Protein backbone atom coordinates (compact mmCIF):
# COMPACT_ATOMS: atom_id res chain seq x y z
CA MET A 1 37.39 18.09 17.17
CA ASN A 2 36.80 15.47 19.35
CA THR A 3 38.30 12.18 17.92
CA GLN A 4 39.23 9.13 19.57
CA THR A 5 42.15 6.88 17.86
CA ILE A 6 42.03 3.26 17.63
CA ASP A 7 44.67 0.78 16.37
CA LYS A 8 47.37 3.18 15.69
CA GLY A 9 44.89 5.84 13.75
CA MET A 10 44.03 2.86 11.37
CA VAL A 11 40.38 3.36 12.60
CA ARG A 12 39.27 6.32 13.68
CA LEU A 13 36.00 7.99 15.75
CA GLY A 14 34.33 10.86 14.43
CA ASP A 15 32.41 13.60 16.14
CA THR A 16 30.88 11.47 19.20
CA GLU A 17 28.09 13.60 18.85
CA ALA A 18 27.27 11.63 15.30
CA LEU A 19 27.57 8.57 16.52
CA GLN A 20 25.13 9.31 19.24
CA SER A 21 22.69 10.08 16.53
CA PHE A 22 23.37 7.31 14.17
CA LYS A 23 22.61 5.00 17.56
CA GLN A 24 19.66 7.03 18.62
CA GLY A 25 18.31 6.68 14.72
CA VAL A 26 19.43 2.92 15.02
CA ASP A 27 17.01 2.62 18.53
CA ASP A 28 14.27 4.55 16.96
CA MET A 29 13.84 2.34 13.57
CA LEU A 30 13.88 -0.71 16.18
CA LEU A 31 11.07 0.59 17.78
CA ARG A 32 9.77 1.68 15.03
CA ARG A 33 9.90 -2.28 13.87
CA SER A 34 8.95 -3.54 17.25
CA TYR A 35 5.67 -1.47 16.89
CA PHE A 36 4.78 -2.42 13.34
CA ILE A 37 5.63 -6.11 14.35
CA SER A 38 2.59 -6.10 17.35
CA GLN A 39 0.36 -3.51 16.55
CA VAL A 40 0.09 -2.84 13.06
CA MET A 41 0.74 -6.50 11.45
CA PRO A 42 -2.41 -7.54 13.22
CA LYS A 43 -4.40 -5.49 11.62
CA LEU A 44 -3.24 -6.74 8.27
CA LYS A 45 -5.88 -9.33 6.96
CA GLU A 46 -4.56 -12.07 5.02
CA GLY A 47 -6.38 -13.01 1.94
CA GLN A 48 -6.59 -9.25 1.55
CA ASP A 49 -3.66 -7.05 2.75
CA TYR A 50 -0.79 -10.16 2.49
CA TYR A 51 -1.31 -13.66 1.16
CA THR A 52 0.89 -16.77 2.29
CA ILE A 53 2.52 -19.16 0.10
CA LYS A 54 4.98 -21.56 0.09
CA GLY A 55 5.67 -20.42 3.96
CA LYS A 56 6.43 -16.48 2.72
CA LYS A 57 3.95 -13.79 3.26
CA SER A 58 3.69 -12.02 -0.24
CA LEU A 59 2.38 -8.03 0.39
CA GLY A 60 -0.71 -7.31 -1.59
CA LYS A 61 -1.65 -4.13 -2.81
CA SER A 62 -3.93 -3.30 -0.19
CA GLY A 63 -1.94 -3.60 2.80
CA CYS A 64 0.92 -1.78 0.77
CA GLU A 65 -1.48 0.96 0.91
CA LYS A 66 -2.25 0.84 4.44
CA ILE A 67 1.34 1.14 5.46
CA ALA A 68 1.93 3.29 3.70
CA GLY A 69 -0.68 5.62 5.09
CA ILE A 70 0.38 4.67 8.53
CA PHE A 71 3.93 5.81 7.59
CA ASN A 72 2.31 8.95 5.97
CA PHE A 73 4.06 8.32 2.72
CA SER A 74 3.20 10.01 -0.16
CA ALA A 75 4.41 8.63 -3.62
CA THR A 76 5.75 9.87 -7.29
CA PHE A 77 6.46 7.40 -9.93
CA VAL A 78 8.89 7.87 -12.74
CA ARG A 79 10.07 6.08 -16.22
CA ASP A 80 12.83 3.54 -15.10
CA ASN A 81 15.10 4.57 -18.59
CA ASP A 82 17.86 3.10 -17.25
CA THR A 83 16.52 -0.39 -16.03
CA MET A 84 14.88 -0.20 -20.00
CA ASP A 85 17.94 0.57 -21.69
CA ALA A 86 19.98 -2.37 -19.76
CA PHE A 87 17.27 -4.97 -20.83
CA LYS A 88 16.05 -2.88 -24.44
CA SER A 89 16.23 -7.33 -25.49
CA ILE A 90 13.13 -7.95 -23.50
CA PRO A 91 10.18 -7.04 -25.80
CA GLY A 92 7.28 -4.74 -24.66
CA LEU A 93 9.33 -3.96 -20.82
CA ILE A 94 8.11 -1.63 -18.72
CA ALA A 95 10.09 -0.09 -15.86
CA TYR A 96 9.13 2.36 -13.18
CA ILE A 97 10.67 3.68 -10.38
CA CYS A 98 9.10 4.81 -6.97
CA THR A 99 9.90 7.78 -4.65
CA LEU A 100 8.44 7.99 -1.50
CA TYR A 101 8.22 11.20 0.52
CA ARG A 102 7.48 12.29 4.22
CA ASP A 103 6.86 15.79 5.29
CA ASP A 104 8.28 16.57 1.32
CA LYS A 105 11.52 14.67 2.00
CA ILE A 106 12.76 11.74 0.26
CA VAL A 107 12.64 8.75 2.04
CA GLY A 108 12.93 5.68 -0.35
CA GLN A 109 12.84 4.61 -3.13
CA GLY A 110 11.81 1.15 -5.26
CA ARG A 111 11.89 -0.33 -8.68
CA GLY A 112 9.28 -2.54 -10.51
CA ALA A 113 8.65 -3.68 -14.24
CA SER A 114 6.19 -5.75 -16.31
CA THR A 115 5.73 -7.05 -19.39
CA LEU A 116 3.62 -6.89 -22.38
CA ASP A 117 3.53 -10.48 -22.42
CA LYS A 118 2.59 -10.88 -18.96
CA ASN A 119 -0.60 -9.16 -19.35
CA ASN A 120 -1.81 -10.44 -22.50
CA GLY A 121 -0.54 -7.61 -24.28
CA ASP A 122 -2.40 -4.82 -22.41
CA PRO A 123 -0.25 -1.50 -22.41
CA ASN A 124 -2.40 0.12 -19.28
CA LYS A 125 -2.46 -3.22 -17.43
CA THR A 126 1.49 -3.67 -17.93
CA ILE A 127 1.88 0.15 -16.73
CA LYS A 128 0.06 -0.68 -13.56
CA MET A 129 1.36 -3.79 -12.92
CA SER A 130 5.00 -2.39 -13.19
CA SER A 131 3.99 0.85 -11.18
CA LYS A 132 2.51 -1.24 -8.66
CA SER A 133 5.66 -3.69 -7.90
CA ALA A 134 7.80 -0.64 -7.80
CA PHE A 135 5.21 0.69 -5.16
CA ILE A 136 5.27 -2.13 -2.73
CA ASP A 137 9.29 -2.58 -3.58
CA ALA A 138 9.56 0.72 -2.05
CA VAL A 139 7.44 0.59 0.91
CA ILE A 140 9.03 -2.59 1.52
CA ARG A 141 12.64 -1.43 1.73
CA THR A 142 11.63 2.09 3.22
CA THR A 143 10.05 -0.05 6.30
CA SER A 144 12.89 -2.43 6.76
CA LEU A 145 10.16 -5.50 6.22
CA ALA A 146 11.79 -7.75 3.55
CA ASP A 147 12.07 -10.69 6.13
CA ILE A 148 8.84 -10.17 6.88
CA PHE A 149 7.13 -9.65 3.25
CA SER A 150 8.22 -10.94 -0.41
CA GLN A 151 7.86 -8.02 -2.88
CA ASP A 152 5.50 -9.70 -4.98
CA LEU A 153 4.18 -13.36 -5.86
CA GLU A 154 6.76 -13.28 -8.69
CA ASP A 155 9.70 -12.93 -6.35
CA MET A 156 9.11 -15.94 -4.27
CA PRO A 157 12.04 -18.25 -4.72
CA THR A 158 11.35 -21.17 -7.27
CA ASN A 159 13.54 -24.82 -5.86
CA ASN A 160 16.20 -26.02 -7.35
CA THR A 161 15.58 -30.09 -6.79
CA GLU A 162 18.59 -31.03 -8.67
CA ASN A 163 20.42 -32.13 -5.19
CA VAL A 164 17.64 -32.83 -3.30
CA PRO A 165 14.52 -35.43 -3.19
CA LYS A 166 12.06 -35.20 -5.42
CA GLU A 167 8.80 -33.52 -3.34
CA VAL A 168 5.05 -35.18 -3.60
CA PRO A 169 3.31 -32.55 -6.12
CA ILE A 170 -0.18 -31.32 -5.29
CA THR A 171 -3.06 -33.58 -5.63
CA ASP A 172 -5.94 -32.84 -7.99
CA ARG A 173 -8.56 -32.77 -5.07
CA GLN A 174 -5.70 -30.12 -3.42
CA LYS A 175 -6.30 -28.14 -6.81
CA GLU A 176 -10.04 -27.99 -6.90
CA LEU A 177 -9.89 -27.13 -3.29
CA LEU A 178 -7.44 -24.25 -3.44
CA SER A 179 -9.41 -23.36 -6.57
CA VAL A 180 -12.45 -22.85 -5.04
CA LEU A 181 -10.79 -21.19 -1.44
CA ILE A 182 -9.07 -18.94 -3.76
CA LYS A 183 -12.08 -17.34 -5.40
CA ARG A 184 -13.63 -17.36 -2.24
CA HIS A 185 -11.01 -15.07 -0.55
CA VAL A 186 -9.36 -13.70 -2.67
CA HIS A 187 -11.17 -10.23 -3.94
CA ASP A 188 -8.42 -8.28 -5.91
CA GLY A 189 -8.29 -9.49 -9.97
CA GLU A 190 -5.17 -9.38 -9.96
CA GLU A 191 -3.76 -11.28 -7.11
CA LYS A 192 -6.66 -14.21 -7.68
CA GLY A 193 -4.72 -14.62 -11.14
CA LYS A 194 -1.43 -14.99 -9.41
CA TRP A 195 -2.85 -17.28 -6.74
CA LEU A 196 -4.80 -19.35 -9.73
CA THR A 197 -1.34 -19.74 -11.82
CA GLU A 198 0.98 -20.69 -8.40
CA ILE A 199 -1.33 -24.07 -8.06
CA PRO A 200 0.10 -26.53 -10.12
CA ASN A 201 3.50 -25.46 -9.00
CA MET A 202 2.87 -26.23 -5.35
CA THR A 203 3.71 -29.80 -4.08
CA LYS A 204 1.36 -31.40 -1.56
CA ALA A 205 2.97 -30.20 1.59
CA GLU A 206 2.32 -26.52 0.30
CA ALA A 207 -1.02 -26.84 -0.75
CA SER A 208 -1.84 -28.59 2.27
CA ASP A 209 -0.16 -25.40 4.11
CA THR A 210 -1.73 -23.09 2.01
CA ILE A 211 -5.68 -24.64 2.44
CA SER A 212 -5.25 -24.55 5.96
CA SER A 213 -3.69 -20.99 5.96
CA PHE A 214 -7.15 -20.15 3.88
CA ILE A 215 -9.34 -22.00 5.96
CA GLY A 216 -8.22 -20.14 8.90
CA ILE A 217 -9.24 -16.98 7.54
CA LYS A 218 -12.94 -15.30 8.47
């Protein structure tokens, strides 16, 4: 076997062909990622395929489907029994695992969950939201785009303001304007509902940035 010993045998490098294959794989991944950012990202429409709130892009179902199509992914869904068993104390929890395939080979997985309480007791909507969340998670993980997109609006971190100065809250005028802009530009009913729910939690600065983002949408 073609091996090389480093540091008195404590670290060993295996077959050089395997190492070259690994390097080629990394190079291919970086090339695909660069191509996505330069060529695909501009084709995604803000307010339809993704949404920007608190400075973070949240991938919507429409954008996720476009990305899956570009990468030629197909998806299957199964109930996530492990998650549901681990969180039996959460009433009405429904969880799914989404598995992505390309050319009949598994390329990635993602998980998603939702509860009846979050969806006004509607089981069909809860199933739809949990499977959608799993699909988005799988696409983001498989394409290594987690630093560009959050999994969904719910995953955006809330600020711990215990040790920082309190920020100025959103004004009533900003709330009214944002409500109008969201209803005008966000066409998906579920995404629109999330946006409207998020408005009261924004700071004045975040609301200003979000308003500017919406105004820039053609």
